[in-house]
C-alpha atoms as a PDB file:
ATOM      1  CA  MET A   1     -10.309  -4.813  23.385  1.00  0.00           C
ATOM      2  CA  ILE A   2     -10.192  -4.879  19.531  1.00  0.00           C
ATOM      3  CA  VAL A   3      -7.503  -2.827  17.828  1.00  0.00           C
ATOM      4  CA  CYS A   4      -7.247  -2.138  14.101  1.00  0.00           C
ATOM      5  CA  GLY A   5      -4.014  -1.485  12.236  1.00  0.00           C
ATOM      6  CA  ILE A   6      -3.955   0.187   8.788  1.00  0.00           C
ATOM      7  CA  ASP A   7      -1.090   0.342   6.296  1.00  0.00           C
ATOM      8  CA  GLU A   8      -0.371   0.389   2.615  1.00  0.00           C
ATOM      9  CA  ALA A   9       1.932  -1.281   0.093  1.00  0.00           C
ATOM     10  CA  GLY A  10       2.988  -0.031  -3.321  1.00  0.00           C
ATOM     11  CA  ARG A  11       2.596   3.705  -2.783  1.00  0.00           C
ATOM     12  CA  GLY A  12       5.764   4.573  -4.644  1.00  0.00           C
ATOM     13  CA  SER A  13       5.575   1.985  -7.372  1.00  0.00           C
ATOM     14  CA  PHE A  14       5.491   2.884 -11.084  1.00  0.00           C
ATOM     15  CA  ILE A  15       3.155   0.031 -11.924  1.00  0.00           C
ATOM     16  CA  GLY A  16       0.243  -1.877 -10.438  1.00  0.00           C
ATOM     17  CA  PRO A  17      -2.118  -1.018  -7.612  1.00  0.00           C
ATOM     18  CA  MET A  18      -1.476   0.521  -4.226  1.00  0.00           C
ATOM     19  CA  VAL A  19      -3.025  -1.802  -1.672  1.00  0.00           C
ATOM     20  CA  ILE A  20      -4.314  -0.537   1.694  1.00  0.00           C
ATOM     21  CA  ALA A  21      -5.224  -3.018   4.350  1.00  0.00           C
ATOM     22  CA  GLY A  22      -6.914  -2.808   7.717  1.00  0.00           C
ATOM     23  CA  VAL A  23      -6.848  -5.728  10.142  1.00  0.00           C
ATOM     24  CA  ALA A  24      -8.715  -5.903  13.454  1.00  0.00           C
ATOM     25  CA  ILE A  25      -7.210  -8.128  16.149  1.00  0.00           C
ATOM     26  CA  ASP A  26      -8.083  -8.847  19.725  1.00  0.00           C
ATOM     27  CA  GLU A  27      -5.382  -7.189  21.846  1.00  0.00           C
ATOM     28  CA  SER A  28      -4.838 -10.463  23.698  1.00  0.00           C
ATOM     29  CA  ASN A  29      -3.432 -12.027  20.479  1.00  0.00           C
ATOM     30  CA  LEU A  30      -0.839  -9.350  19.711  1.00  0.00           C
ATOM     31  CA  ASP A  31       1.972 -10.813  21.846  1.00  0.00           C
ATOM     32  CA  MET A  32       1.512 -14.199  20.189  1.00  0.00           C
ATOM     33  CA  LEU A  33       1.712 -12.621  16.746  1.00  0.00           C
ATOM     34  CA  HIS A  34       4.797 -10.658  17.774  1.00  0.00           C
ATOM     35  CA  GLN A  35       6.459 -13.836  19.025  1.00  0.00           C
ATOM     36  CA  ALA A  36       5.580 -15.545  15.731  1.00  0.00           C
ATOM     37  CA  GLY A  37       7.532 -12.877  13.877  1.00  0.00           C
ATOM     38  CA  VAL A  38       4.957 -10.320  12.805  1.00  0.00           C
ATOM     39  CA  LYS A  39       6.840  -7.075  12.132  1.00  0.00           C
ATOM     40  CA  ASP A  40       7.181  -4.418   9.458  1.00  0.00           C
ATOM     41  CA  SER A  41       6.724  -6.273   6.144  1.00  0.00           C
ATOM     42  CA  LYS A  42       9.820  -4.579   4.683  1.00  0.00           C
ATOM     43  CA  MET A  43      11.907  -6.465   7.241  1.00  0.00           C
ATOM     44  CA  LEU A  44      10.616  -9.877   6.131  1.00  0.00           C
ATOM     45  CA  THR A  45      11.274 -12.199   3.209  1.00  0.00           C
ATOM     46  CA  ALA A  46       8.461 -12.936   0.794  1.00  0.00           C
ATOM     47  CA  GLY A  47       8.165 -16.467   2.158  1.00  0.00           C
ATOM     48  CA  ALA A  48       7.901 -15.212   5.742  1.00  0.00           C
ATOM     49  CA  ARG A  49       5.204 -12.729   4.731  1.00  0.00           C
ATOM     50  CA  ARG A  50       3.154 -15.440   3.088  1.00  0.00           C
ATOM     51  CA  SER A  51       3.371 -17.659   6.141  1.00  0.00           C
ATOM     52  CA  LEU A  52       2.475 -14.852   8.523  1.00  0.00           C
ATOM     53  CA  TYR A  53      -0.335 -13.705   6.223  1.00  0.00           C
ATOM     54  CA  SER A  54      -2.249 -16.928   6.902  1.00  0.00           C
ATOM     55  CA  MET A  55      -1.645 -16.702  10.642  1.00  0.00           C
ATOM     56  CA  ILE A  56      -2.774 -13.082  10.805  1.00  0.00           C
ATOM     57  CA  LEU A  57      -6.012 -13.863   9.003  1.00  0.00           C
ATOM     58  CA  GLU A  58      -6.598 -16.835  11.312  1.00  0.00           C
ATOM     59  CA  TYR A  59      -6.285 -14.698  14.444  1.00  0.00           C
ATOM     60  CA  SER A  60      -7.958 -11.554  13.109  1.00  0.00           C
ATOM     61  CA  VAL A  61     -11.493 -10.493  13.967  1.00  0.00           C
ATOM     62  CA  SER A  62     -11.907  -8.999  10.514  1.00  0.00           C
ATOM     63  CA  HIS A  63      -9.885  -7.435   7.729  1.00  0.00           C
ATOM     64  CA  VAL A  64     -10.688  -4.992   4.928  1.00  0.00           C
ATOM     65  CA  VAL A  65      -8.687  -4.300   1.823  1.00  0.00           C
ATOM     66  CA  ARG A  66      -8.895  -1.427  -0.628  1.00  0.00           C
ATOM     67  CA  ARG A  67      -7.004  -1.510  -3.950  1.00  0.00           C
ATOM     68  CA  CYS A  68      -6.187   1.705  -5.752  1.00  0.00           C
ATOM     69  CA  HIS A  69      -5.583   0.919  -9.404  1.00  0.00           C
ATOM     70  CA  PRO A  70      -3.341   3.024 -11.650  1.00  0.00           C
ATOM     71  CA  ASN A  71      -6.176   5.012 -13.291  1.00  0.00           C
ATOM     72  CA  ALA A  72      -7.537   6.021  -9.859  1.00  0.00           C
ATOM     73  CA  ILE A  73      -4.057   6.902  -8.706  1.00  0.00           C
ATOM     74  CA  ASP A  74      -3.458   9.045 -11.834  1.00  0.00           C
ATOM     75  CA  ASN A  75      -6.724  10.874 -11.350  1.00  0.00           C
ATOM     76  CA  SER A  76      -5.988  11.539  -7.702  1.00  0.00           C
ATOM     77  CA  VAL A  77      -2.447  12.802  -8.442  1.00  0.00           C
ATOM     78  CA  LEU A  78      -3.836  15.096 -11.154  1.00  0.00           C
ATOM     79  CA  PHE A  79      -6.667  16.638  -9.131  1.00  0.00           C
ATOM     80  CA  HIS A  80      -5.967  16.134  -5.438  1.00  0.00           C
ATOM     81  CA  GLY A  81      -2.669  14.433  -4.735  1.00  0.00           C
ATOM     82  CA  LEU A  82      -2.025  10.802  -3.872  1.00  0.00           C
ATOM     83  CA  THR A  83      -2.315  11.335  -0.119  1.00  0.00           C
ATOM     84  CA  ASP A  84      -5.945  12.393  -0.448  1.00  0.00           C
ATOM     85  CA  LEU A  85      -6.732   9.090  -2.142  1.00  0.00           C
ATOM     86  CA  GLU A  86      -4.952   7.196   0.594  1.00  0.00           C
ATOM     87  CA  ILE A  87      -6.768   9.094   3.349  1.00  0.00           C
ATOM     88  CA  THR A  88     -10.097   8.441   1.671  1.00  0.00           C
ATOM     89  CA  LYS A  89      -9.448   4.723   1.486  1.00  0.00           C
ATOM     90  CA  MET A  90      -8.183   4.551   5.088  1.00  0.00           C
ATOM     91  CA  ALA A  91     -11.288   6.380   6.273  1.00  0.00           C
ATOM     92  CA  ASP A  92     -13.412   3.878   4.379  1.00  0.00           C
ATOM     93  CA  ILE A  93     -11.573   1.001   6.073  1.00  0.00           C
ATOM     94  CA  ILE A  94     -12.123   2.616   9.514  1.00  0.00           C
ATOM     95  CA  ARG A  95     -15.843   3.026   8.841  1.00  0.00           C
ATOM     96  CA  CYS A  96     -16.078  -0.648   7.758  1.00  0.00           C
ATOM     97  CA  THR A  97     -14.057  -2.091  10.650  1.00  0.00           C
ATOM     98  CA  PRO A  98     -15.565  -1.949  14.168  1.00  0.00           C
ATOM     99  CA  ALA A  99     -12.715  -1.543  16.697  1.00  0.00           C
ATOM    100  CA  ASP A 100     -11.945   0.171  19.991  1.00  0.00           C
ATOM    101  CA  ALA A 101      -8.840   1.876  18.562  1.00  0.00           C
ATOM    102  CA  TYR A 102      -7.253   2.460  15.176  1.00  0.00           C
ATOM    103  CA  TYR A 103      -3.503   2.701  14.553  1.00  0.00           C
ATOM    104  CA  VAL A 104      -2.474   4.099  11.169  1.00  0.00           C
ATOM    105  CA  ASP A 105       0.826   4.622   9.404  1.00  0.00           C
ATOM    106  CA  SER A 106       0.938   8.316   8.584  1.00  0.00           C
ATOM    107  CA  CYS A 107       2.018   9.416   5.147  1.00  0.00           C
ATOM    108  CA  TYR A 108       2.356  13.009   6.449  1.00  0.00           C
ATOM    109  CA  SER A 109       5.519  14.141   8.184  1.00  0.00           C
ATOM    110  CA  ASP A 110       3.023  15.682  10.625  1.00  0.00           C
ATOM    111  CA  ALA A 111       1.394  12.532  11.954  1.00  0.00           C
ATOM    112  CA  ALA A 112      -1.009  14.455  14.188  1.00  0.00           C
ATOM    113  CA  LEU A 113      -2.378  16.359  11.208  1.00  0.00           C
ATOM    114  CA  PHE A 114      -2.817  13.108   9.291  1.00  0.00           C
ATOM    115  CA  GLY A 115      -4.761  11.710  12.235  1.00  0.00           C
ATOM    116  CA  GLU A 116      -6.926  14.827  12.440  1.00  0.00           C
ATOM    117  CA  ARG A 117      -7.914  14.497   8.799  1.00  0.00           C
ATOM    118  CA  LEU A 118      -8.956  10.913   9.340  1.00  0.00           C
ATOM    119  CA  GLN A 119     -10.942  11.932  12.417  1.00  0.00           C
ATOM    120  CA  ASP A 120     -12.741  14.584  10.396  1.00  0.00           C
ATOM    121  CA  LEU A 121     -13.732  12.031   7.769  1.00  0.00           C
ATOM    122  CA  THR A 122     -14.751   9.230  10.178  1.00  0.00           C
ATOM    123  CA  GLN A 123     -15.930  11.111  13.286  1.00  0.00           C
ATOM    124  CA  SER A 124     -13.822   8.660  15.284  1.00  0.00           C
ATOM    125  CA  THR A 125     -11.835   9.961  18.258  1.00  0.00           C
ATOM    126  CA  GLN A 126      -9.862   6.712  18.615  1.00  0.00           C
ATOM    127  CA  ILE A 127      -7.388   7.187  15.757  1.00  0.00           C
ATOM    128  CA  HIS A 128      -3.692   7.031  16.584  1.00  0.00           C
ATOM    129  CA  SER A 129      -1.502   8.217  13.738  1.00  0.00           C
ATOM    130  CA  HIS A 130       2.246   7.619  13.807  1.00  0.00           C
ATOM    131  CA  ILE A 131       5.179   7.848  11.440  1.00  0.00           C
ATOM    132  CA  ASP A 132       6.654   4.338  10.871  1.00  0.00           C
ATOM    133  CA  ALA A 133       3.730   2.849  12.747  1.00  0.00           C
ATOM    134  CA  ASP A 134       4.429  -0.506  11.097  1.00  0.00           C
ATOM    135  CA  ALA A 135       7.719  -0.669  13.004  1.00  0.00           C
ATOM    136  CA  LYS A 136       6.083   0.447  16.297  1.00  0.00           C
ATOM    137  CA  PHE A 137       2.810  -1.482  16.559  1.00  0.00           C
ATOM    138  CA  VAL A 138       2.263  -5.149  15.886  1.00  0.00           C
ATOM    139  CA  VAL A 139      -1.269  -4.537  14.650  1.00  0.00           C
ATOM    140  CA  VAL A 140       0.025  -2.122  11.968  1.00  0.00           C
ATOM    141  CA  ALA A 141       2.833  -4.508  11.075  1.00  0.00           C
ATOM    142  CA  ALA A 142       0.110  -7.155  10.554  1.00  0.00           C
ATOM    143  CA  ALA A 143      -1.739  -4.804   8.226  1.00  0.00           C
ATOM    144  CA  SER A 144       1.494  -4.085   6.326  1.00  0.00           C
ATOM    145  CA  ILE A 145       1.980  -7.818   5.741  1.00  0.00           C
ATOM    146  CA  ILE A 146      -1.544  -8.239   4.455  1.00  0.00           C
ATOM    147  CA  ALA A 147      -1.144  -5.269   2.088  1.00  0.00           C
ATOM    148  CA  LYS A 148       2.277  -6.381   0.874  1.00  0.00           C
ATOM    149  CA  VAL A 149       1.284  -9.989   0.183  1.00  0.00           C
ATOM    150  CA  LEU A 150      -1.747  -8.856  -1.855  1.00  0.00           C
ATOM    151  CA  ARG A 151       0.323  -6.246  -3.648  1.00  0.00           C
ATOM    152  CA  ASP A 152       2.944  -8.858  -4.510  1.00  0.00           C
ATOM    153  CA  ARG A 153       0.237 -11.139  -5.918  1.00  0.00           C
ATOM    154  CA  ALA A 154      -0.976  -8.306  -8.159  1.00  0.00           C
ATOM    155  CA  ILE A 155       2.514  -7.700  -9.499  1.00  0.00           C
ATOM    156  CA  GLN A 156       3.031 -11.451 -10.050  1.00  0.00           C
ATOM    157  CA  ARG A 157      -0.112 -11.539 -12.202  1.00  0.00           C
ATOM    158  CA  ILE A 158       1.339  -8.732 -14.323  1.00  0.00           C
ATOM    159  CA  GLN A 159       4.715 -10.455 -14.496  1.00  0.00           C
ATOM    160  CA  LYS A 160       3.129 -13.536 -16.088  1.00  0.00           C
ATOM    161  CA  SER A 161       2.788 -11.537 -19.291  1.00  0.00           C
ATOM    162  CA  HIS A 162       5.200  -8.618 -18.815  1.00  0.00           C
ATOM    163  CA  PRO A 163       8.793  -8.730 -17.524  1.00  0.00           C
ATOM    164  CA  VAL A 164       8.342  -5.570 -15.454  1.00  0.00           C
ATOM    165  CA  GLY A 165      10.804  -6.273 -12.677  1.00  0.00           C
ATOM    166  CA  SER A 166       9.869  -4.989  -9.218  1.00  0.00           C
ATOM    167  CA  GLY A 167       7.767  -2.160 -10.650  1.00  0.00           C
ATOM    168  CA  TYR A 168       9.586   0.629  -8.870  1.00  0.00           C
ATOM    169  CA  PRO A 169      11.136   3.652 -10.672  1.00  0.00           C
ATOM    170  CA  ALA A 170      14.643   2.790  -9.469  1.00  0.00           C
ATOM    171  CA  ASP A 171      14.449  -0.657 -11.107  1.00  0.00           C
ATOM    172  CA  THR A 172      16.161  -0.313 -14.504  1.00  0.00           C
ATOM    173  CA  GLU A 173      14.391  -3.491 -15.731  1.00  0.00           C
ATOM    174  CA  THR A 174      11.040  -1.900 -15.054  1.00  0.00           C
ATOM    175  CA  VAL A 175      11.879   1.381 -16.752  1.00  0.00           C
ATOM    176  CA  ARG A 176      13.504  -0.376 -19.749  1.00  0.00           C
ATOM    177  CA  TYR A 177      10.487  -2.559 -20.364  1.00  0.00           C
ATOM    178  CA  VAL A 178       8.010   0.288 -20.107  1.00  0.00           C
ATOM    179  CA  ARG A 179      10.190   2.344 -22.487  1.00  0.00           C
ATOM    180  CA  GLU A 180      10.194  -0.530 -24.986  1.00  0.00           C
ATOM    181  CA  ILE A 181       6.390  -0.769 -24.903  1.00  0.00           C
ATOM    182  CA  TYR A 182       6.047   2.957 -25.438  1.00  0.00           C
ATOM    183  CA  ILE A 183       8.457   2.986 -28.379  1.00  0.00           C
ATOM    184  CA  ALA A 184       6.748  -0.013 -29.998  1.00  0.00           C
ATOM    185  CA  THR A 185       3.122   1.036 -29.498  1.00  0.00           C
ATOM    186  CA  GLY A 186       3.093   4.732 -28.642  1.00  0.00           C
ATOM    187  CA  LYS A 187       0.981   4.073 -25.543  1.00  0.00           C
ATOM    188  CA  MET A 188       1.179   2.583 -22.110  1.00  0.00           C
ATOM    189  CA  PRO A 189      -0.546  -0.533 -20.771  1.00  0.00           C
ATOM    190  CA  LEU A 190      -3.179  -0.115 -18.089  1.00  0.00           C
ATOM    191  CA  PHE A 191      -0.912  -1.301 -15.287  1.00  0.00           C
ATOM    192  CA  VAL A 192       1.388   1.737 -15.641  1.00  0.00           C
ATOM    193  CA  ARG A 193       0.878   4.897 -13.520  1.00  0.00           C
ATOM    194  CA  LYS A 194       1.034   7.585 -16.149  1.00  0.00           C
ATOM    195  CA  SER A 195       1.205  10.444 -13.646  1.00  0.00           C
ATOM    196  CA  TRP A 196       4.592   9.346 -12.308  1.00  0.00           C
ATOM    197  CA  SER A 197       7.652  11.435 -13.150  1.00  0.00           C
ATOM    198  CA  THR A 198       9.132   8.298 -14.630  1.00  0.00           C
ATOM    199  CA  MET A 199       6.365   8.320 -17.224  1.00  0.00           C
ATOM    200  CA  ARG A 200       7.081  11.950 -18.056  1.00  0.00           C
ATOM    201  CA  ARG A 201      10.713  11.021 -18.718  1.00  0.00           C
ATOM    202  CA  VAL A 202       9.586   8.334 -21.130  1.00  0.00           C
ATOM    203  CA  HIS A 203       7.695  11.009 -23.089  1.00  0.00           C
ATOM    204  CA  MET A 204      10.261  13.753 -22.899  1.00  0.00           C
ATOM    205  CA  ASP A 205      13.724  12.132 -22.948  1.00  0.00           C
ATOM    206  CA  GLN A 206      14.797  11.824 -26.587  1.00  0.00           C
ATOM    207  CA  ARG A 207      17.235   9.061 -25.627  1.00  0.00           C
ATOM    208  CA  PHE A 208      14.255   6.788 -25.173  1.00  0.00           C
ATOM    209  CA  VAL A 209      13.210   7.092 -28.822  1.00  0.00           C
ATOM    210  CA  SER A 210      16.578   7.502 -30.487  1.00  0.00           C
END
């Protein structure tokens, strides 16, 4: 039996892409991956994620990745909401990944409704939507690791030229650097999500330009 896990990384970040990954694995390999340490990517060090990333790809039947760049995220937030973009990308992954069952990490508090929306888009009746699915199912944890490693690589590419910190709104280094760019140039680089409330503070808070 082939099962597919789907999860994202970078949903709440102020910069860079959101990465959504789907990984299909033969059910017989899940115990081995669990014993090797595959679990929710947030519970692992960067080094452990990179090591497990290679192992997951080795034992996977297939994997599909969709990257949502800041301009696409901004457009979705403006017209539909970020969740609609995520659902669209997850549905695309499901359609591109043959499997007997799909386990997805719900970004709705109502996981059943999230699953129903995916079913409507894909016509699949084998979608299992759960809150914190990456902590409950090894196959979703595997997808979370794939997404996180690729997201980290994207941020590292940005960091080669821009000291942006982690990229999250709570990171003062990130906010300070973006503020400095805005003051110096009057515009934001392409890696910034302009629809974030953090961006609105950069425009509106007079302390940033005093």
